[in-house]
């Protein structure tokens, strides 16, 4: 079962969402973005924090159903390959 992101990821909910993900590392390996509509670069900070934690445990994050805007944003910030979005 993947970790399902909410429709909105902004500065208002980024801290709580990061904590929720870290508490659910077993499902965090796969992050489903199919609900994601409203977001900015803060979503990338969450992915990078989760990726760092997973890598420490010898695992990797897999981002699924990423909207095109997220893929472009990750490319602009140079993290698309790291998050499997290239």
PDB file of N, CA and C in Angstrom:
ATOM      1  N   UNK A   1       0.840  -1.177   0.000  1.00  0.00           N
ATOM      2  CA  UNK A   1       0.000   0.000   0.000  1.00  0.00           C
ATOM      3  C   UNK A   1       0.888   1.244   0.000  1.00  0.00           C
ATOM      4  N   UNK A   2       0.704   2.152  -0.946  1.00  0.00           N
ATOM      5  CA  UNK A   2       1.548   3.350  -1.026  1.00  0.00           C
ATOM      6  C   UNK A   2       1.113   4.422  -0.023  1.00  0.00           C
ATOM      7  N   UNK A   3       2.010   5.367   0.197  1.00  0.00           N
ATOM      8  CA  UNK A   3       1.713   6.548   1.006  1.00  0.00           C
ATOM      9  C   UNK A   3       1.048   7.545   0.069  1.00  0.00           C
ATOM     10  N   UNK A   4      -0.188   7.886   0.333  1.00  0.00           N
ATOM     11  CA  UNK A   4      -0.976   8.753  -0.553  1.00  0.00           C
ATOM     12  C   UNK A   4      -0.862  10.205  -0.108  1.00  0.00           C
ATOM     13  N   UNK A   5      -0.343  11.044  -0.995  1.00  0.00           N
ATOM     14  CA  UNK A   5      -0.257  12.469  -0.693  1.00  0.00           C
ATOM     15  C   UNK A   5      -1.634  13.110  -0.776  1.00  0.00           C
ATOM     16  N   UNK A   6      -1.864  14.166  -0.003  1.00  0.00           N
ATOM     17  CA  UNK A   6      -3.132  14.893  -0.101  1.00  0.00           C
ATOM     18  C   UNK A   6      -3.165  15.740  -1.372  1.00  0.00           C
ATOM     19  N   UNK A   7      -4.284  16.391  -1.624  1.00  0.00           N
ATOM     20  CA  UNK A   7      -4.431  17.233  -2.808  1.00  0.00           C
ATOM     21  C   UNK A   7      -3.543  18.466  -2.750  1.00  0.00           C
ATOM     22  N   UNK A   8      -3.233  18.919  -1.546  1.00  0.00           N
ATOM     23  CA  UNK A   8      -2.451  20.141  -1.380  1.00  0.00           C
ATOM     24  C   UNK A   8      -1.250  19.883  -0.474  1.00  0.00           C
ATOM     25  N   UNK A   9      -0.076  20.293  -0.934  1.00  0.00           N
ATOM     26  CA  UNK A   9       1.143  20.242  -0.122  1.00  0.00           C
ATOM     27  C   UNK A   9       1.778  21.629  -0.221  1.00  0.00           C
ATOM     28  N   UNK A  10       1.648  22.381   0.863  1.00  0.00           N
ATOM     29  CA  UNK A  10       2.178  23.742   0.917  1.00  0.00           C
ATOM     30  C   UNK A  10       2.869  23.949   2.259  1.00  0.00           C
ATOM     31  N   UNK A  11       3.343  25.150   2.491  1.00  0.00           N
ATOM     32  CA  UNK A  11       4.005  25.459   3.755  1.00  0.00           C
ATOM     33  C   UNK A  11       3.074  25.248   4.941  1.00  0.00           C
ATOM     34  N   UNK A  12       1.774  25.308   4.708  1.00  0.00           N
ATOM     35  CA  UNK A  12       0.806  25.138   5.791  1.00  0.00           C
ATOM     36  C   UNK A  12       0.789  23.726   6.365  1.00  0.00           C
ATOM     37  N   UNK A  13       1.029  22.732   5.535  1.00  0.00           N
ATOM     38  CA  UNK A  13       0.935  21.350   6.018  1.00  0.00           C
ATOM     39  C   UNK A  13       2.208  20.530   5.825  1.00  0.00           C
ATOM     40  N   UNK A  14       3.274  21.140   5.361  1.00  0.00           N
ATOM     41  CA  UNK A  14       4.481  20.393   5.019  1.00  0.00           C
ATOM     42  C   UNK A  14       5.112  19.720   6.241  1.00  0.00           C
ATOM     43  N   UNK A  15       5.154  20.395   7.377  1.00  0.00           N
ATOM     44  CA  UNK A  15       5.788  19.807   8.559  1.00  0.00           C
ATOM     45  C   UNK A  15       5.042  18.576   9.054  1.00  0.00           C
ATOM     46  N   UNK A  16       3.728  18.688   9.126  1.00  0.00           N
ATOM     47  CA  UNK A  16       2.934  17.550   9.597  1.00  0.00           C
ATOM     48  C   UNK A  16       3.014  16.383   8.612  1.00  0.00           C
ATOM     49  N   UNK A  17       2.985  16.695   7.328  1.00  0.00           N
ATOM     50  CA  UNK A  17       3.058  15.652   6.309  1.00  0.00           C
ATOM     51  C   UNK A  17       4.408  14.936   6.367  1.00  0.00           C
ATOM     52  N   UNK A  18       5.481  15.679   6.577  1.00  0.00           N
ATOM     53  CA  UNK A  18       6.801  15.060   6.693  1.00  0.00           C
ATOM     54  C   UNK A  18       6.831  14.099   7.886  1.00  0.00           C
ATOM     55  N   UNK A  19       6.299  14.536   9.011  1.00  0.00           N
ATOM     56  CA  UNK A  19       6.250  13.690  10.205  1.00  0.00           C
ATOM     57  C   UNK A  19       5.413  12.435   9.964  1.00  0.00           C
ATOM     58  N   UNK A  20       4.257  12.618   9.311  1.00  0.00           N
ATOM     59  CA  UNK A  20       3.390  11.472   9.020  1.00  0.00           C
ATOM     60  C   UNK A  20       4.128  10.438   8.176  1.00  0.00           C
ATOM     61  N   UNK A  21       4.863  10.908   7.197  1.00  0.00           N
ATOM     62  CA  UNK A  21       5.616   9.998   6.350  1.00  0.00           C
ATOM     63  C   UNK A  21       6.698   9.256   7.111  1.00  0.00           C
ATOM     64  N   UNK A  22       7.411   9.977   7.963  1.00  0.00           N
ATOM     65  CA  UNK A  22       8.486   9.340   8.723  1.00  0.00           C
ATOM     66  C   UNK A  22       7.949   8.328   9.721  1.00  0.00           C
ATOM     67  N   UNK A  23       6.708   8.504  10.152  1.00  0.00           N
ATOM     68  CA  UNK A  23       6.092   7.529  11.054  1.00  0.00           C
ATOM     69  C   UNK A  23       5.589   6.297  10.307  1.00  0.00           C
ATOM     70  N   UNK A  24       5.548   6.382   8.989  1.00  0.00           N
ATOM     71  CA  UNK A  24       5.035   5.287   8.155  1.00  0.00           C
ATOM     72  C   UNK A  24       6.072   4.839   7.132  1.00  0.00           C
ATOM     73  N   UNK A  25       7.297   4.658   7.574  1.00  0.00           N
ATOM     74  CA  UNK A  25       8.375   4.313   6.641  1.00  0.00           C
ATOM     75  C   UNK A  25       8.104   3.035   5.859  1.00  0.00           C
ATOM     76  N   UNK A  26       7.367   2.129   6.415  1.00  0.00           N
ATOM     77  CA  UNK A  26       7.094   0.864   5.716  1.00  0.00           C
ATOM     78  C   UNK A  26       6.359   1.110   4.402  1.00  0.00           C
ATOM     79  N   UNK A  27       5.461   2.084   4.374  1.00  0.00           N
ATOM     80  CA  UNK A  27       4.716   2.370   3.138  1.00  0.00           C
ATOM     81  C   UNK A  27       5.321   3.536   2.375  1.00  0.00           C
ATOM     82  N   UNK A  28       6.253   4.229   2.997  1.00  0.00           N
ATOM     83  CA  UNK A  28       6.818   5.431   2.391  1.00  0.00           C
ATOM     84  C   UNK A  28       7.663   5.139   1.161  1.00  0.00           C
ATOM     85  N   UNK A  29       8.103   3.905   1.022  1.00  0.00           N
ATOM     86  CA  UNK A  29       8.924   3.575  -0.155  1.00  0.00           C
ATOM     87  C   UNK A  29       8.199   3.888  -1.448  1.00  0.00           C
ATOM     88  N   UNK A  30       6.883   3.832  -1.439  1.00  0.00           N
ATOM     89  CA  UNK A  30       6.094   4.187  -2.620  1.00  0.00           C
ATOM     90  C   UNK A  30       5.162   5.328  -2.244  1.00  0.00           C
ATOM     91  N   UNK A  31       5.341   6.479  -2.906  1.00  0.00           N
ATOM     92  CA  UNK A  31       4.524   7.659  -2.651  1.00  0.00           C
ATOM     93  C   UNK A  31       3.632   7.881  -3.869  1.00  0.00           C
ATOM     94  N   UNK A  32       2.328   7.883  -3.646  1.00  0.00           N
ATOM     95  CA  UNK A  32       1.345   8.067  -4.714  1.00  0.00           C
ATOM     96  C   UNK A  32       0.921   9.531  -4.755  1.00  0.00           C
ATOM     97  N   UNK A  33       1.146  10.176  -5.878  1.00  0.00           N
ATOM     98  CA  UNK A  33       0.826  11.594  -6.057  1.00  0.00           C
ATOM     99  C   UNK A  33      -0.463  11.808  -6.849  1.00  0.00           C
ATOM    100  N   UNK A  34      -1.283  10.787  -6.996  1.00  0.00           N
ATOM    101  CA  UNK A  34      -2.458  10.919  -7.857  1.00  0.00           C
ATOM    102  C   UNK A  34      -3.456  11.966  -7.367  1.00  0.00           C
ATOM    103  N   UNK A  35      -3.495  12.275  -6.070  1.00  0.00           N
ATOM    104  CA  UNK A  35      -4.382  13.324  -5.548  1.00  0.00           C
ATOM    105  C   UNK A  35      -3.772  14.713  -5.617  1.00  0.00           C
ATOM    106  N   UNK A  36      -2.474  14.806  -5.812  1.00  0.00           N
ATOM    107  CA  UNK A  36      -1.735  16.064  -5.707  1.00  0.00           C
ATOM    108  C   UNK A  36      -2.137  17.050  -6.805  1.00  0.00           C
ATOM    109  N   UNK A  37      -2.663  18.194  -6.387  1.00  0.00           N
ATOM    110  CA  UNK A  37      -3.087  19.234  -7.340  1.00  0.00           C
ATOM    111  C   UNK A  37      -2.438  20.583  -7.032  1.00  0.00           C
ATOM    112  N   UNK A  38      -2.404  20.966  -5.760  1.00  0.00           N
ATOM    113  CA  UNK A  38      -1.898  22.268  -5.330  1.00  0.00           C
ATOM    114  C   UNK A  38      -0.610  22.053  -4.550  1.00  0.00           C
ATOM    115  N   UNK A  39       0.514  22.497  -5.103  1.00  0.00           N
ATOM    116  CA  UNK A  39       1.803  22.296  -4.440  1.00  0.00           C
ATOM    117  C   UNK A  39       2.824  23.281  -4.960  1.00  0.00           C
ATOM    118  N   UNK A  40       3.895  23.407  -4.218  1.00  0.00           N
ATOM    119  CA  UNK A  40       5.032  24.205  -4.645  1.00  0.00           C
ATOM    120  C   UNK A  40       6.296  23.411  -4.316  1.00  0.00           C
ATOM    121  N   UNK A  41       7.412  24.080  -4.290  1.00  0.00           N
ATOM    122  CA  UNK A  41       8.674  23.356  -4.088  1.00  0.00           C
ATOM    123  C   UNK A  41       8.783  22.708  -2.713  1.00  0.00           C
ATOM    124  N   UNK A  42       7.900  23.050  -1.785  1.00  0.00           N
ATOM    125  CA  UNK A  42       7.958  22.406  -0.471  1.00  0.00           C
ATOM    126  C   UNK A  42       7.751  20.902  -0.572  1.00  0.00           C
ATOM    127  N   UNK A  43       7.030  20.461  -1.579  1.00  0.00           N
ATOM    128  CA  UNK A  43       6.825  19.020  -1.745  1.00  0.00           C
ATOM    129  C   UNK A  43       8.161  18.322  -2.007  1.00  0.00           C
ATOM    130  N   UNK A  44       9.055  19.004  -2.682  1.00  0.00           N
ATOM    131  CA  UNK A  44      10.378  18.413  -2.938  1.00  0.00           C
ATOM    132  C   UNK A  44      11.179  18.280  -1.657  1.00  0.00           C
ATOM    133  N   UNK A  45      11.023  19.229  -0.734  1.00  0.00           N
ATOM    134  CA  UNK A  45      11.750  19.124   0.531  1.00  0.00           C
ATOM    135  C   UNK A  45      11.295  17.898   1.320  1.00  0.00           C
ATOM    136  N   UNK A  46      10.010  17.589   1.243  1.00  0.00           N
ATOM    137  CA  UNK A  46       9.499  16.391   1.911  1.00  0.00           C
ATOM    138  C   UNK A  46      10.102  15.142   1.271  1.00  0.00           C
ATOM    139  N   UNK A  47      10.048  15.072  -0.046  1.00  0.00           N
ATOM    140  CA  UNK A  47      10.592  13.907  -0.743  1.00  0.00           C
ATOM    141  C   UNK A  47      12.063  13.705  -0.397  1.00  0.00           C
ATOM    142  N   UNK A  48      12.827  14.791  -0.358  1.00  0.00           N
ATOM    143  CA  UNK A  48      14.254  14.675  -0.061  1.00  0.00           C
ATOM    144  C   UNK A  48      14.498  14.224   1.374  1.00  0.00           C
ATOM    145  N   UNK A  49      13.707  14.713   2.307  1.00  0.00           N
ATOM    146  CA  UNK A  49      13.839  14.269   3.700  1.00  0.00           C
ATOM    147  C   UNK A  49      13.499  12.789   3.823  1.00  0.00           C
ATOM    148  N   UNK A  50      12.436  12.384   3.162  1.00  0.00           N
ATOM    149  CA  UNK A  50      12.045  10.967   3.196  1.00  0.00           C
ATOM    150  C   UNK A  50      13.099  10.105   2.530  1.00  0.00           C
ATOM    151  N   UNK A  51      13.605  10.584   1.390  1.00  0.00           N
ATOM    152  CA  UNK A  51      14.636   9.828   0.661  1.00  0.00           C
ATOM    153  C   UNK A  51      15.873   9.649   1.532  1.00  0.00           C
ATOM    154  N   UNK A  52      16.275  10.693   2.230  1.00  0.00           N
ATOM    155  CA  UNK A  52      17.444  10.618   3.107  1.00  0.00           C
ATOM    156  C   UNK A  52      17.243   9.552   4.182  1.00  0.00           C
ATOM    157  N   UNK A  53      16.087   9.529   4.804  1.00  0.00           N
ATOM    158  CA  UNK A  53      15.799   8.547   5.848  1.00  0.00           C
ATOM    159  C   UNK A  53      15.777   7.133   5.268  1.00  0.00           C
ATOM    160  N   UNK A  54      15.137   6.975   4.121  1.00  0.00           N
ATOM    161  CA  UNK A  54      15.064   5.654   3.494  1.00  0.00           C
ATOM    162  C   UNK A  54      16.455   5.163   3.091  1.00  0.00           C
ATOM    163  N   UNK A  55      17.270   6.050   2.539  1.00  0.00           N
ATOM    164  CA  UNK A  55      18.616   5.647   2.129  1.00  0.00           C
ATOM    165  C   UNK A  55      19.437   5.194   3.330  1.00  0.00           C
ATOM    166  N   UNK A  56      19.223   5.819   4.478  1.00  0.00           N
ATOM    167  CA  UNK A  56      19.931   5.399   5.688  1.00  0.00           C
ATOM    168  C   UNK A  56      19.570   3.967   6.060  1.00  0.00           C
ATOM    169  N   UNK A  57      18.388   3.524   5.641  1.00  0.00           N
ATOM    170  CA  UNK A  57      17.938   2.157   5.896  1.00  0.00           C
ATOM    171  C   UNK A  57      18.153   1.245   4.692  1.00  0.00           C
ATOM    172  N   UNK A  58      18.907   1.739   3.690  1.00  0.00           N
ATOM    173  CA  UNK A  58      19.205   0.942   2.508  1.00  0.00           C
ATOM    174  C   UNK A  58      18.053   0.818   1.532  1.00  0.00           C
ATOM    175  N   UNK A  59      17.117   1.753   1.572  1.00  0.00           N
ATOM    176  CA  UNK A  59      15.950   1.719   0.687  1.00  0.00           C
ATOM    177  C   UNK A  59      15.909   2.981  -0.159  1.00  0.00           C
ATOM    178  N   UNK A  60      14.923   3.034  -1.055  1.00  0.00           N
ATOM    179  CA  UNK A  60      14.780   4.179  -1.942  1.00  0.00           C
ATOM    180  C   UNK A  60      13.309   4.525  -2.113  1.00  0.00           C
ATOM    181  N   UNK A  61      13.046   5.804  -2.291  1.00  0.00           N
ATOM    182  CA  UNK A  61      11.685   6.268  -2.505  1.00  0.00           C
ATOM    183  C   UNK A  61      11.295   6.043  -3.969  1.00  0.00           C
ATOM    184  N   UNK A  62      10.036   5.741  -4.178  1.00  0.00           N
ATOM    185  CA  UNK A  62       9.481   5.611  -5.518  1.00  0.00           C
ATOM    186  C   UNK A  62       8.251   6.506  -5.600  1.00  0.00           C
ATOM    187  N   UNK A  63       8.308   7.511  -6.461  1.00  0.00           N
ATOM    188  CA  UNK A  63       7.208   8.457  -6.616  1.00  0.00           C
ATOM    189  C   UNK A  63       6.374   8.027  -7.818  1.00  0.00           C
ATOM    190  N   UNK A  64       5.095   7.779  -7.564  1.00  0.00           N
ATOM    191  CA  UNK A  64       4.195   7.320  -8.626  1.00  0.00           C
ATOM    192  C   UNK A  64       3.123   8.365  -8.914  1.00  0.00           C
ATOM    193  N   UNK A  65       2.628   8.354 -10.136  1.00  0.00           N
ATOM    194  CA  UNK A  65       1.541   9.224 -10.581  1.00  0.00           C
ATOM    195  C   UNK A  65       1.852  10.698 -10.368  1.00  0.00           C
ATOM    196  N   UNK A  66       3.099  11.065 -10.612  1.00  0.00           N
ATOM    197  CA  UNK A  66       3.522  12.454 -10.433  1.00  0.00           C
ATOM    198  C   UNK A  66       2.924  13.330 -11.528  1.00  0.00           C
ATOM    199  N   UNK A  67       2.317  14.457 -11.141  1.00  0.00           N
ATOM    200  CA  UNK A  67       1.837  15.391 -12.154  1.00  0.00           C
ATOM    201  C   UNK A  67       3.020  15.964 -12.940  1.00  0.00           C
ATOM    202  N   UNK A  68       2.776  16.367 -14.153  1.00  0.00           N
ATOM    203  CA  UNK A  68       3.850  16.885 -15.001  1.00  0.00           C
ATOM    204  C   UNK A  68       4.556  18.069 -14.338  1.00  0.00           C
ATOM    205  N   UNK A  69       3.800  18.921 -13.685  1.00  0.00           N
ATOM    206  CA  UNK A  69       4.394  20.084 -13.010  1.00  0.00           C
ATOM    207  C   UNK A  69       5.423  19.644 -11.960  1.00  0.00           C
ATOM    208  N   UNK A  70       5.167  18.559 -11.280  1.00  0.00           N
ATOM    209  CA  UNK A  70       6.108  18.056 -10.265  1.00  0.00           C
ATOM    210  C   UNK A  70       7.386  17.556 -10.924  1.00  0.00           C
ATOM    211  N   UNK A  71       7.244  16.858 -12.021  1.00  0.00           N
ATOM    212  CA  UNK A  71       8.406  16.355 -12.745  1.00  0.00           C
ATOM    213  C   UNK A  71       9.263  17.508 -13.252  1.00  0.00           C
ATOM    214  N   UNK A  72       8.613  18.538 -13.796  1.00  0.00           N
ATOM    215  CA  UNK A  72       9.338  19.717 -14.281  1.00  0.00           C
ATOM    216  C   UNK A  72      10.027  20.431 -13.123  1.00  0.00           C
ATOM    217  N   UNK A  73       9.317  20.615 -12.024  1.00  0.00           N
ATOM    218  CA  UNK A  73       9.873  21.283 -10.850  1.00  0.00           C
ATOM    219  C   UNK A  73      11.088  20.534 -10.312  1.00  0.00           C
ATOM    220  N   UNK A  74      11.000  19.220 -10.243  1.00  0.00           N
ATOM    221  CA  UNK A  74      12.128  18.412  -9.777  1.00  0.00           C
ATOM    222  C   UNK A  74      13.314  18.553 -10.725  1.00  0.00           C
ATOM    223  N   UNK A  75      13.044  18.658 -12.008  1.00  0.00           N
ATOM    224  CA  UNK A  75      14.111  18.859 -12.988  1.00  0.00           C
ATOM    225  C   UNK A  75      14.787  20.204 -12.825  1.00  0.00           C
ATOM    226  N   UNK A  76      14.002  21.241 -12.587  1.00  0.00           N
ATOM    227  CA  UNK A  76      14.544  22.589 -12.389  1.00  0.00           C
ATOM    228  C   UNK A  76      15.461  22.631 -11.164  1.00  0.00           C
ATOM    229  N   UNK A  77      15.062  21.940 -10.122  1.00  0.00           N
ATOM    230  CA  UNK A  77      15.860  21.904  -8.888  1.00  0.00           C
ATOM    231  C   UNK A  77      16.973  20.845  -8.930  1.00  0.00           C
ATOM    232  N   UNK A  78      17.033  20.074  -9.988  1.00  0.00           N
ATOM    233  CA  UNK A  78      18.110  19.108 -10.158  1.00  0.00           C
ATOM    234  C   UNK A  78      17.975  17.849  -9.309  1.00  0.00           C
ATOM    235  N   UNK A  79      16.750  17.517  -8.896  1.00  0.00           N
ATOM    236  CA  UNK A  79      16.549  16.338  -8.056  1.00  0.00           C
ATOM    237  C   UNK A  79      15.669  15.270  -8.718  1.00  0.00           C
ATOM    238  N   UNK A  80      15.343  15.470  -9.975  1.00  0.00           N
ATOM    239  CA  UNK A  80      14.447  14.535 -10.669  1.00  0.00           C
ATOM    240  C   UNK A  80      14.999  13.119 -10.675  1.00  0.00           C
ATOM    241  N   UNK A  81      16.257  12.966 -10.997  1.00  0.00           N
ATOM    242  CA  UNK A  81      16.851  11.623 -11.049  1.00  0.00           C
ATOM    243  C   UNK A  81      16.912  10.984  -9.659  1.00  0.00           C
ATOM    244  N   UNK A  82      17.256  11.775  -8.671  1.00  0.00           N
ATOM    245  CA  UNK A  82      17.343  11.281  -7.304  1.00  0.00           C
ATOM    246  C   UNK A  82      16.000  10.731  -6.799  1.00  0.00           C
ATOM    247  N   UNK A  83      14.914  11.358  -7.275  1.00  0.00           N
ATOM    248  CA  UNK A  83      13.574  10.940  -6.851  1.00  0.00           C
ATOM    249  C   UNK A  83      12.904  10.007  -7.859  1.00  0.00           C
ATOM    250  N   UNK A  84      13.629   9.618  -8.885  1.00  0.00           N
ATOM    251  CA  UNK A  84      13.072   8.718  -9.886  1.00  0.00           C
ATOM    252  C   UNK A  84      12.028   9.380 -10.772  1.00  0.00           C
ATOM    253  N   UNK A  85      12.167  10.684 -10.982  1.00  0.00           N
ATOM    254  CA  UNK A  85      11.195  11.424 -11.787  1.00  0.00           C
ATOM    255  C   UNK A  85      11.742  11.837 -13.146  1.00  0.00           C
ATOM    256  N   UNK A  86      12.883  11.315 -13.522  1.00  0.00           N
ATOM    257  CA  UNK A  86      13.475  11.728 -14.799  1.00  0.00           C
ATOM    258  C   UNK A  86      13.034  10.824 -15.924  1.00  0.00           C
TER     259      UNK A  86
END
